[in-house]
Every structure is written in C-alpha cells, then in structure tokens.
Amino acid sequence: MSLSKLRQHTANSQKSQLTSLCFHTYCSLYQEQKDQIAYYHQQSVSHPGPNSAYYLRKEMGHRIGLVLVGIVTWFFGPLYLLSRIATLLFPVFIPIYLYANNVFVWSVFMPNNEDLVKIDWLQVVMITIYLALMLVLLLLYLLTGHQQFLSFHIMPSRENVPDIKDVELATKWINEIRNHYYGVSAVPIRKAIVIDAFGVDIGPIIISYLPADDHFEGMQEIVMAKTL
C-alpha cells in the first residue's frame, strides 16, 4: 500500500489529497461567495413576489463580494506569494549576481586580496548571517518535513484524531487496523500462490471459498514492527 493510495482511499479525498486540501482551503472564501449566490438565486426563484426583491438584493451583494474576493484570490494572493518568495531569495541572488560580475562577496577573508573588489564589512556580515539562518531553516525543514508528511497520513480525511478513552474499544480498533494491514499485504500473496499451484482455472474457484478479510491473531508476534 503506497502513501498515494492511502490518501486516495479515504472517506473524504478532498481533505486527504494534499493538493486538493491546499487549493480548497485557499479558495474557501471564494467558494463560499459562489454558494451564497446560488442559494439566494434559488430562493428568489422559489419565492416570487415581495420577498423576491430581498433575495435579489442579497444575491447582488454576494456577486459584488465575489468580484472583490476573486480579485484578491486570483490576483493579489499569487502576487503576494511571489513577493514573499522573491524577498526570501533576494539575498541569495545578490552573491550570485555579484559573482557573475567578478565580485566575490567574501573576498575580504581571502589572502592577497589587494587586487580584488572588496565589499564593506557590515554588508558581508549581514548577508552571511542571513544565508546562515536560511541554511539552518533548510536543515530543519529536511529533518522535520518528512516526519510531518508521514504524520499527515494518520487519518488524513479528519481534521483531528478522536480521543478514545475506552480501552476495549481502542484495542478493538487497533486489531481491526492491524488485520486490515496484514490482509492488504497477505491476501494478494495468497491469491498468487493458489493460482500458481492450481492454475488459472481451479485457482479462482478455491479463492472464492476463502474469506476476503481474515483475522491474523498472533501475526504481530512474527512480524517485526518498524518505526518510520
């Protein structure tokens, strides 16, 4: 079972798919305005007469809101994101640009640098500290990003993990999860062994008599758990 399959086969794939989740969260306000327009339009059609004018005014207000929210969502939002990325990477661009023009930022630390173009000490210290902090941030991202990515796959379609205070119920759920995992791993192998032993004619008949979901009591004693 791959992680992508685990994200696809959930009760709500919009929340378990990373791309769909980010897009849905970003466009939630825009989608809310569209839903309100559809609601008040339906109400104005269903209630003709004096009440129709009220629903039409509400619909027009949400249409204006849709235009304003759309401008922020589809123009200013991406523009702000690009500006943040440019601001973050601009100090990285400076040494590259200077080096392309035969100016090495850290030439003040090099011996025999009389013939080299030197930059003021304050500017060198500032850009060095900034790049060092960016390197620390990148290392932290590499160390924790993989763990956070794996943690996302624990019940990915839910916003929070339910608190199970009943020990018997928790044990039952753990056994069901373990049996399902062992079934996903073992049942395809079992089918392949049966078909390989009895052929494609008799094998499927034998498999049809076998349970689709087995109970694997004692399997945890012979399968070594691995911490990701």
C-alpha atoms as a PDB file:
ATOM      1  CA  MET A   1       0.000   0.000   0.000  1.00  0.00           C
ATOM      2  CA  SER A   2       1.649   3.240  -1.145  1.00  0.00           C
ATOM      3  CA  LEU A   3       1.153   6.614   0.522  1.00  0.00           C
ATOM      4  CA  SER A   4      -0.661   7.943  -2.551  1.00  0.00           C
ATOM      5  CA  LYS A   5      -3.140   5.060  -2.391  1.00  0.00           C
ATOM      6  CA  LEU A   6      -3.599   5.736   1.313  1.00  0.00           C
ATOM      7  CA  ARG A   7      -4.515   9.344   0.553  1.00  0.00           C
ATOM      8  CA  GLN A   8      -6.922   8.340  -2.218  1.00  0.00           C
ATOM      9  CA  HIS A   9      -8.941   5.691  -0.367  1.00  0.00           C
ATOM     10  CA  THR A  10     -10.423   7.806   2.422  1.00  0.00           C
ATOM     11  CA  ALA A  11     -13.880   8.964   3.426  1.00  0.00           C
ATOM     12  CA  ASN A  12     -13.164  12.485   2.129  1.00  0.00           C
ATOM     13  CA  SER A  13     -10.492  12.586  -0.576  1.00  0.00           C
ATOM     14  CA  GLN A  14     -10.634  16.403  -0.769  1.00  0.00           C
ATOM     15  CA  LYS A  15      -9.143  16.580   2.720  1.00  0.00           C
ATOM     16  CA  SER A  16      -6.713  13.689   2.289  1.00  0.00           C
ATOM     17  CA  GLN A  17      -5.194  14.854  -1.011  1.00  0.00           C
ATOM     18  CA  LEU A  18      -2.500  17.438  -0.304  1.00  0.00           C
ATOM     19  CA  THR A  19      -3.059  19.439  -3.498  1.00  0.00           C
ATOM     20  CA  SER A  20      -6.845  19.422  -3.171  1.00  0.00           C
ATOM     21  CA  LEU A  21      -6.630  20.321   0.520  1.00  0.00           C
ATOM     22  CA  CYS A  22      -4.402  23.341  -0.107  1.00  0.00           C
ATOM     23  CA  PHE A  23      -6.482  24.506  -3.063  1.00  0.00           C
ATOM     24  CA  HIS A  24      -9.774  24.005  -1.189  1.00  0.00           C
ATOM     25  CA  THR A  25      -8.505  25.902   1.852  1.00  0.00           C
ATOM     26  CA  TYR A  26      -7.147  28.778  -0.244  1.00  0.00           C
ATOM     27  CA  CYS A  27     -10.360  29.120  -2.284  1.00  0.00           C
ATOM     28  CA  SER A  28     -12.776  28.552   0.623  1.00  0.00           C
ATOM     29  CA  LEU A  29     -13.880  32.215   0.850  1.00  0.00           C
ATOM     30  CA  TYR A  30     -14.320  32.462  -2.925  1.00  0.00           C
ATOM     31  CA  GLN A  31     -16.329  29.228  -2.986  1.00  0.00           C
ATOM     32  CA  GLU A  32     -18.450  30.464  -0.080  1.00  0.00           C
ATOM     33  CA  GLN A  33     -19.475  33.530  -2.090  1.00  0.00           C
ATOM     34  CA  LYS A  34     -20.436  31.318  -5.031  1.00  0.00           C
ATOM     35  CA  ASP A  35     -22.524  29.076  -2.778  1.00  0.00           C
ATOM     36  CA  GLN A  36     -24.314  32.094  -1.320  1.00  0.00           C
ATOM     37  CA  ILE A  37     -25.099  33.409  -4.808  1.00  0.00           C
ATOM     38  CA  ALA A  38     -26.533  30.055  -5.838  1.00  0.00           C
ATOM     39  CA  TYR A  39     -28.568  29.871  -2.609  1.00  0.00           C
ATOM     40  CA  TYR A  40     -30.156  33.327  -2.889  1.00  0.00           C
ATOM     41  CA  HIS A  41     -30.787  32.876  -6.597  1.00  0.00           C
ATOM     42  CA  GLN A  42     -32.650  29.662  -5.831  1.00  0.00           C
ATOM     43  CA  GLN A  43     -34.601  31.419  -3.079  1.00  0.00           C
ATOM     44  CA  SER A  44     -35.593  34.289  -5.388  1.00  0.00           C
ATOM     45  CA  VAL A  45     -36.878  31.811  -7.949  1.00  0.00           C
ATOM     46  CA  SER A  46     -38.723  29.733  -5.356  1.00  0.00           C
ATOM     47  CA  HIS A  47     -40.331  32.744  -3.616  1.00  0.00           C
ATOM     48  CA  PRO A  48     -41.716  35.138  -6.242  1.00  0.00           C
ATOM     49  CA  GLY A  49     -43.369  38.306  -5.077  1.00  0.00           C
ATOM     50  CA  PRO A  50     -42.275  40.861  -2.441  1.00  0.00           C
ATOM     51  CA  ASN A  51     -39.736  38.510  -0.875  1.00  0.00           C
ATOM     52  CA  SER A  52     -38.022  38.061  -4.231  1.00  0.00           C
ATOM     53  CA  ALA A  53     -36.587  41.600  -4.102  1.00  0.00           C
ATOM     54  CA  TYR A  54     -34.883  40.819  -0.767  1.00  0.00           C
ATOM     55  CA  TYR A  55     -33.239  37.684  -2.150  1.00  0.00           C
ATOM     56  CA  LEU A  56     -32.182  39.525  -5.295  1.00  0.00           C
ATOM     57  CA  ARG A  57     -30.512  42.259  -3.207  1.00  0.00           C
ATOM     58  CA  LYS A  58     -28.669  39.625  -1.195  1.00  0.00           C
ATOM     59  CA  GLU A  59     -27.637  37.877  -4.390  1.00  0.00           C
ATOM     60  CA  MET A  60     -26.338  41.129  -5.886  1.00  0.00           C
ATOM     61  CA  GLY A  61     -24.371  41.853  -2.706  1.00  0.00           C
ATOM     62  CA  HIS A  62     -22.697  38.453  -2.857  1.00  0.00           C
ATOM     63  CA  ARG A  63     -21.978  38.938  -6.574  1.00  0.00           C
ATOM     64  CA  ILE A  64     -20.120  42.134  -5.729  1.00  0.00           C
ATOM     65  CA  GLY A  65     -18.360  40.273  -2.939  1.00  0.00           C
ATOM     66  CA  LEU A  66     -17.462  37.506  -5.396  1.00  0.00           C
ATOM     67  CA  VAL A  67     -15.767  40.022  -7.689  1.00  0.00           C
ATOM     68  CA  LEU A  68     -13.797  41.575  -4.827  1.00  0.00           C
ATOM     69  CA  VAL A  69     -12.836  38.219  -3.318  1.00  0.00           C
ATOM     70  CA  GLY A  70     -11.938  36.925  -6.794  1.00  0.00           C
ATOM     71  CA  ILE A  71      -9.548  39.848  -7.350  1.00  0.00           C
ATOM     72  CA  VAL A  72      -7.861  39.155  -4.010  1.00  0.00           C
ATOM     73  CA  THR A  73      -7.803  35.372  -4.528  1.00  0.00           C
ATOM     74  CA  TRP A  74      -6.617  35.218  -8.124  1.00  0.00           C
ATOM     75  CA  PHE A  75      -4.517  38.399  -8.447  1.00  0.00           C
ATOM     76  CA  PHE A  76      -3.303  39.868  -5.167  1.00  0.00           C
ATOM     77  CA  GLY A  77      -2.920  36.469  -3.479  1.00  0.00           C
ATOM     78  CA  PRO A  78      -0.494  34.986  -6.062  1.00  0.00           C
ATOM     79  CA  LEU A  79       1.226  38.381  -6.343  1.00  0.00           C
ATOM     80  CA  TYR A  80       1.784  38.454  -2.576  1.00  0.00           C
ATOM     81  CA  LEU A  81       3.101  34.873  -2.625  1.00  0.00           C
ATOM     82  CA  LEU A  82       5.559  35.712  -5.389  1.00  0.00           C
ATOM     83  CA  SER A  83       6.698  38.818  -3.495  1.00  0.00           C
ATOM     84  CA  ARG A  84       7.339  36.727  -0.346  1.00  0.00           C
ATOM     85  CA  ILE A  85       9.339  34.183  -2.329  1.00  0.00           C
ATOM     86  CA  ALA A  86      11.319  36.945  -4.038  1.00  0.00           C
ATOM     87  CA  THR A  87      12.002  38.609  -0.680  1.00  0.00           C
ATOM     88  CA  LEU A  88      13.217  35.318   0.765  1.00  0.00           C
ATOM     89  CA  LEU A  89      15.502  34.502  -2.156  1.00  0.00           C
ATOM     90  CA  PHE A  90      16.768  38.010  -2.907  1.00  0.00           C
ATOM     91  CA  PRO A  91      19.769  37.754  -0.529  1.00  0.00           C
ATOM     92  CA  VAL A  92      20.714  34.539  -2.346  1.00  0.00           C
ATOM     93  CA  PHE A  93      20.527  36.360  -5.667  1.00  0.00           C
ATOM     94  CA  ILE A  94      22.917  39.105  -4.531  1.00  0.00           C
ATOM     95  CA  PRO A  95      26.106  36.953  -4.194  1.00  0.00           C
ATOM     96  CA  ILE A  96      25.274  35.141  -7.442  1.00  0.00           C
ATOM     97  CA  TYR A  97      24.796  38.409  -9.308  1.00  0.00           C
ATOM     98  CA  LEU A  98      27.980  39.918  -7.886  1.00  0.00           C
ATOM     99  CA  TYR A  99      29.984  36.785  -8.663  1.00  0.00           C
ATOM    100  CA  ALA A 100      28.729  36.909 -12.268  1.00  0.00           C
ATOM    101  CA  ASN A 101      30.170  40.435 -12.400  1.00  0.00           C
ATOM    102  CA  ASN A 102      33.557  39.340 -10.997  1.00  0.00           C
ATOM    103  CA  VAL A 103      32.835  40.494  -7.436  1.00  0.00           C
ATOM    104  CA  PHE A 104      33.223  37.883  -4.708  1.00  0.00           C
ATOM    105  CA  VAL A 105      31.293  38.836  -1.560  1.00  0.00           C
ATOM    106  CA  TRP A 106      33.675  37.126   0.848  1.00  0.00           C
ATOM    107  CA  SER A 107      36.859  38.406  -0.763  1.00  0.00           C
ATOM    108  CA  VAL A 108      37.682  40.259   2.474  1.00  0.00           C
ATOM    109  CA  PHE A 109      38.517  36.889   4.042  1.00  0.00           C
ATOM    110  CA  MET A 110      40.875  35.850   1.241  1.00  0.00           C
ATOM    111  CA  PRO A 111      44.640  36.408   1.479  1.00  0.00           C
ATOM    112  CA  ASN A 112      46.333  38.618  -1.077  1.00  0.00           C
ATOM    113  CA  ASN A 113      43.070  40.361  -1.908  1.00  0.00           C
ATOM    114  CA  GLU A 114      44.565  43.746  -2.740  1.00  0.00           C
ATOM    115  CA  ASP A 115      43.594  43.412  -6.406  1.00  0.00           C
ATOM    116  CA  LEU A 116      40.062  42.212  -5.683  1.00  0.00           C
ATOM    117  CA  VAL A 117      36.964  44.333  -5.309  1.00  0.00           C
ATOM    118  CA  LYS A 118      36.081  44.316  -1.623  1.00  0.00           C
ATOM    119  CA  ILE A 119      32.695  44.911  -0.019  1.00  0.00           C
ATOM    120  CA  ASP A 120      32.146  46.704   3.265  1.00  0.00           C
ATOM    121  CA  TRP A 121      32.441  44.508   6.359  1.00  0.00           C
ATOM    122  CA  LEU A 122      28.934  45.329   7.602  1.00  0.00           C
ATOM    123  CA  GLN A 123      27.311  44.196   4.367  1.00  0.00           C
ATOM    124  CA  VAL A 124      29.369  40.991   4.333  1.00  0.00           C
ATOM    125  CA  VAL A 125      28.412  40.173   7.946  1.00  0.00           C
ATOM    126  CA  MET A 126      24.717  40.907   7.346  1.00  0.00           C
ATOM    127  CA  ILE A 127      24.397  38.761   4.232  1.00  0.00           C
ATOM    128  CA  THR A 128      26.462  35.969   5.821  1.00  0.00           C
ATOM    129  CA  ILE A 129      24.187  35.835   8.864  1.00  0.00           C
ATOM    130  CA  TYR A 130      21.080  35.829   6.671  1.00  0.00           C
ATOM    131  CA  LEU A 131      22.376  32.998   4.484  1.00  0.00           C
ATOM    132  CA  ALA A 132      23.418  31.024   7.581  1.00  0.00           C
ATOM    133  CA  LEU A 133      19.899  31.368   9.012  1.00  0.00           C
ATOM    134  CA  MET A 134      18.434  30.238   5.698  1.00  0.00           C
ATOM    135  CA  LEU A 135      20.714  27.189   5.787  1.00  0.00           C
ATOM    136  CA  VAL A 136      19.543  26.350   9.331  1.00  0.00           C
ATOM    137  CA  LEU A 137      15.919  26.724   8.218  1.00  0.00           C
ATOM    138  CA  LEU A 138      16.543  24.422   5.266  1.00  0.00           C
ATOM    139  CA  LEU A 139      18.139  21.785   7.519  1.00  0.00           C
ATOM    140  CA  LEU A 140      15.204  21.947   9.934  1.00  0.00           C
ATOM    141  CA  TYR A 141      12.809  21.558   7.036  1.00  0.00           C
ATOM    142  CA  LEU A 142      14.654  18.493   5.773  1.00  0.00           C
ATOM    143  CA  LEU A 143      14.750  16.953   9.248  1.00  0.00           C
ATOM    144  CA  THR A 144      11.113  17.563  10.175  1.00  0.00           C
ATOM    145  CA  GLY A 145       9.403  17.752   6.795  1.00  0.00           C
ATOM    146  CA  HIS A 146       9.490  14.005   6.197  1.00  0.00           C
ATOM    147  CA  GLN A 147       8.090  13.308   9.659  1.00  0.00           C
ATOM    148  CA  GLN A 148       5.290  15.840   9.193  1.00  0.00           C
ATOM    149  CA  PHE A 149       4.500  14.334   5.789  1.00  0.00           C
ATOM    150  CA  LEU A 150       4.165  10.871   7.306  1.00  0.00           C
ATOM    151  CA  SER A 151       2.077  12.218  10.200  1.00  0.00           C
ATOM    152  CA  PHE A 152      -0.370  13.670   7.684  1.00  0.00           C
ATOM    153  CA  HIS A 153      -1.281  10.136   6.622  1.00  0.00           C
ATOM    154  CA  ILE A 154      -2.683   9.266  10.059  1.00  0.00           C
ATOM    155  CA  MET A 155      -6.427   9.529   9.343  1.00  0.00           C
ATOM    156  CA  PRO A 156      -5.827  12.153   6.627  1.00  0.00           C
ATOM    157  CA  SER A 157      -9.517  12.795   5.942  1.00  0.00           C
ATOM    158  CA  ARG A 158     -10.121  14.039   9.512  1.00  0.00           C
ATOM    159  CA  GLU A 159      -9.137  17.366  10.988  1.00  0.00           C
ATOM    160  CA  ASN A 160      -8.323  15.776  14.360  1.00  0.00           C
ATOM    161  CA  VAL A 161      -7.722  12.320  15.778  1.00  0.00           C
ATOM    162  CA  PRO A 162     -10.588  11.233  18.077  1.00  0.00           C
ATOM    163  CA  ASP A 163      -9.805  10.645  21.728  1.00  0.00           C
ATOM    164  CA  ILE A 164     -10.691   7.038  22.552  1.00  0.00           C
ATOM    165  CA  LYS A 165     -10.920   6.644  26.323  1.00  0.00           C
ATOM    166  CA  ASP A 166     -12.408   3.143  26.257  1.00  0.00           C
ATOM    167  CA  VAL A 167      -9.506   0.677  26.379  1.00  0.00           C
ATOM    168  CA  GLU A 168     -11.557  -2.207  24.966  1.00  0.00           C
ATOM    169  CA  LEU A 169     -12.787  -0.086  22.042  1.00  0.00           C
ATOM    170  CA  ALA A 170      -9.247   1.154  21.374  1.00  0.00           C
ATOM    171  CA  THR A 171      -7.937  -2.415  21.401  1.00  0.00           C
ATOM    172  CA  LYS A 172     -10.686  -3.465  19.010  1.00  0.00           C
ATOM    173  CA  TRP A 173      -9.827  -0.660  16.598  1.00  0.00           C
ATOM    174  CA  ILE A 174      -6.124  -1.450  16.769  1.00  0.00           C
ATOM    175  CA  ASN A 175      -6.830  -5.117  15.973  1.00  0.00           C
ATOM    176  CA  GLU A 176      -9.053  -4.126  13.033  1.00  0.00           C
ATOM    177  CA  ILE A 177      -6.379  -1.802  11.679  1.00  0.00           C
ATOM    178  CA  ARG A 178      -3.720  -4.492  12.115  1.00  0.00           C
ATOM    179  CA  ASN A 179      -5.882  -7.158  10.455  1.00  0.00           C
ATOM    180  CA  HIS A 180      -6.649  -4.828   7.558  1.00  0.00           C
ATOM    181  CA  TYR A 181      -2.962  -4.089   7.061  1.00  0.00           C
ATOM    182  CA  TYR A 182      -1.994  -7.755   7.179  1.00  0.00           C
ATOM    183  CA  GLY A 183      -4.887  -8.539   4.830  1.00  0.00           C
ATOM    184  CA  VAL A 184      -3.720  -5.935   2.310  1.00  0.00           C
ATOM    185  CA  SER A 185      -0.229  -7.407   2.499  1.00  0.00           C
ATOM    186  CA  ALA A 186      -1.025 -11.140   2.676  1.00  0.00           C
ATOM    187  CA  VAL A 187      -4.210 -11.674   0.624  1.00  0.00           C
ATOM    188  CA  PRO A 188      -2.638 -10.773  -2.771  1.00  0.00           C
ATOM    189  CA  ILE A 189       0.296 -13.088  -1.996  1.00  0.00           C
ATOM    190  CA  ARG A 190      -2.116 -15.863  -1.018  1.00  0.00           C
ATOM    191  CA  LYS A 191      -4.044 -15.437  -4.273  1.00  0.00           C
ATOM    192  CA  ALA A 192      -0.850 -15.569  -6.305  1.00  0.00           C
ATOM    193  CA  ILE A 193       0.307 -18.752  -4.516  1.00  0.00           C
ATOM    194  CA  VAL A 194      -3.062 -20.503  -5.009  1.00  0.00           C
ATOM    195  CA  ILE A 195      -3.249 -19.600  -8.706  1.00  0.00           C
ATOM    196  CA  ASP A 196       0.369 -20.629  -9.208  1.00  0.00           C
ATOM    197  CA  ALA A 197      -0.273 -24.007  -7.514  1.00  0.00           C
ATOM    198  CA  PHE A 198      -3.655 -24.889  -9.043  1.00  0.00           C
ATOM    199  CA  GLY A 199      -3.665 -22.868 -12.270  1.00  0.00           C
ATOM    200  CA  VAL A 200      -5.905 -20.111 -13.587  1.00  0.00           C
ATOM    201  CA  ASP A 201      -8.894 -22.474 -13.931  1.00  0.00           C
ATOM    202  CA  ILE A 202      -9.063 -24.087 -10.468  1.00  0.00           C
ATOM    203  CA  GLY A 203      -7.280 -21.334  -8.510  1.00  0.00           C
ATOM    204  CA  PRO A 204     -10.064 -18.698  -8.687  1.00  0.00           C
ATOM    205  CA  ILE A 205     -12.629 -21.304  -7.575  1.00  0.00           C
ATOM    206  CA  ILE A 206     -10.567 -22.125  -4.474  1.00  0.00           C
ATOM    207  CA  ILE A 207     -10.020 -18.432  -3.770  1.00  0.00           C
ATOM    208  CA  SER A 208     -13.775 -17.794  -3.906  1.00  0.00           C
ATOM    209  CA  TYR A 209     -14.194 -20.075  -0.860  1.00  0.00           C
ATOM    210  CA  LEU A 210     -11.570 -18.219   1.137  1.00  0.00           C
ATOM    211  CA  PRO A 211     -12.601 -15.234   3.310  1.00  0.00           C
ATOM    212  CA  ALA A 212     -11.732 -11.826   1.926  1.00  0.00           C
ATOM    213  CA  ASP A 213     -10.859 -10.442   5.374  1.00  0.00           C
ATOM    214  CA  ASP A 214      -9.007 -12.839   7.633  1.00  0.00           C
ATOM    215  CA  HIS A 215      -8.112 -12.482  11.275  1.00  0.00           C
ATOM    216  CA  PHE A 216      -4.386 -12.630  11.825  1.00  0.00           C
ATOM    217  CA  GLU A 217      -4.144 -13.446  15.509  1.00  0.00           C
ATOM    218  CA  GLY A 218      -0.556 -13.896  16.566  1.00  0.00           C
ATOM    219  CA  MET A 219       0.785 -12.245  13.422  1.00  0.00           C
ATOM    220  CA  GLN A 220       2.276  -9.374  15.457  1.00  0.00           C
ATOM    221  CA  GLU A 221       4.476 -11.923  17.220  1.00  0.00           C
ATOM    222  CA  ILE A 222       6.215 -12.928  13.997  1.00  0.00           C
ATOM    223  CA  VAL A 223       6.099  -9.561  12.176  1.00  0.00           C
ATOM    224  CA  MET A 224       8.574  -7.011  13.452  1.00  0.00           C
ATOM    225  CA  ALA A 225       7.158  -3.519  13.840  1.00  0.00           C
ATOM    226  CA  LYS A 226       9.225  -0.789  12.239  1.00  0.00           C
ATOM    227  CA  THR A 227       9.217   2.833  13.325  1.00  0.00           C
ATOM    228  CA  LEU A 228       9.159   5.194  10.356  1.00  0.00           C
END
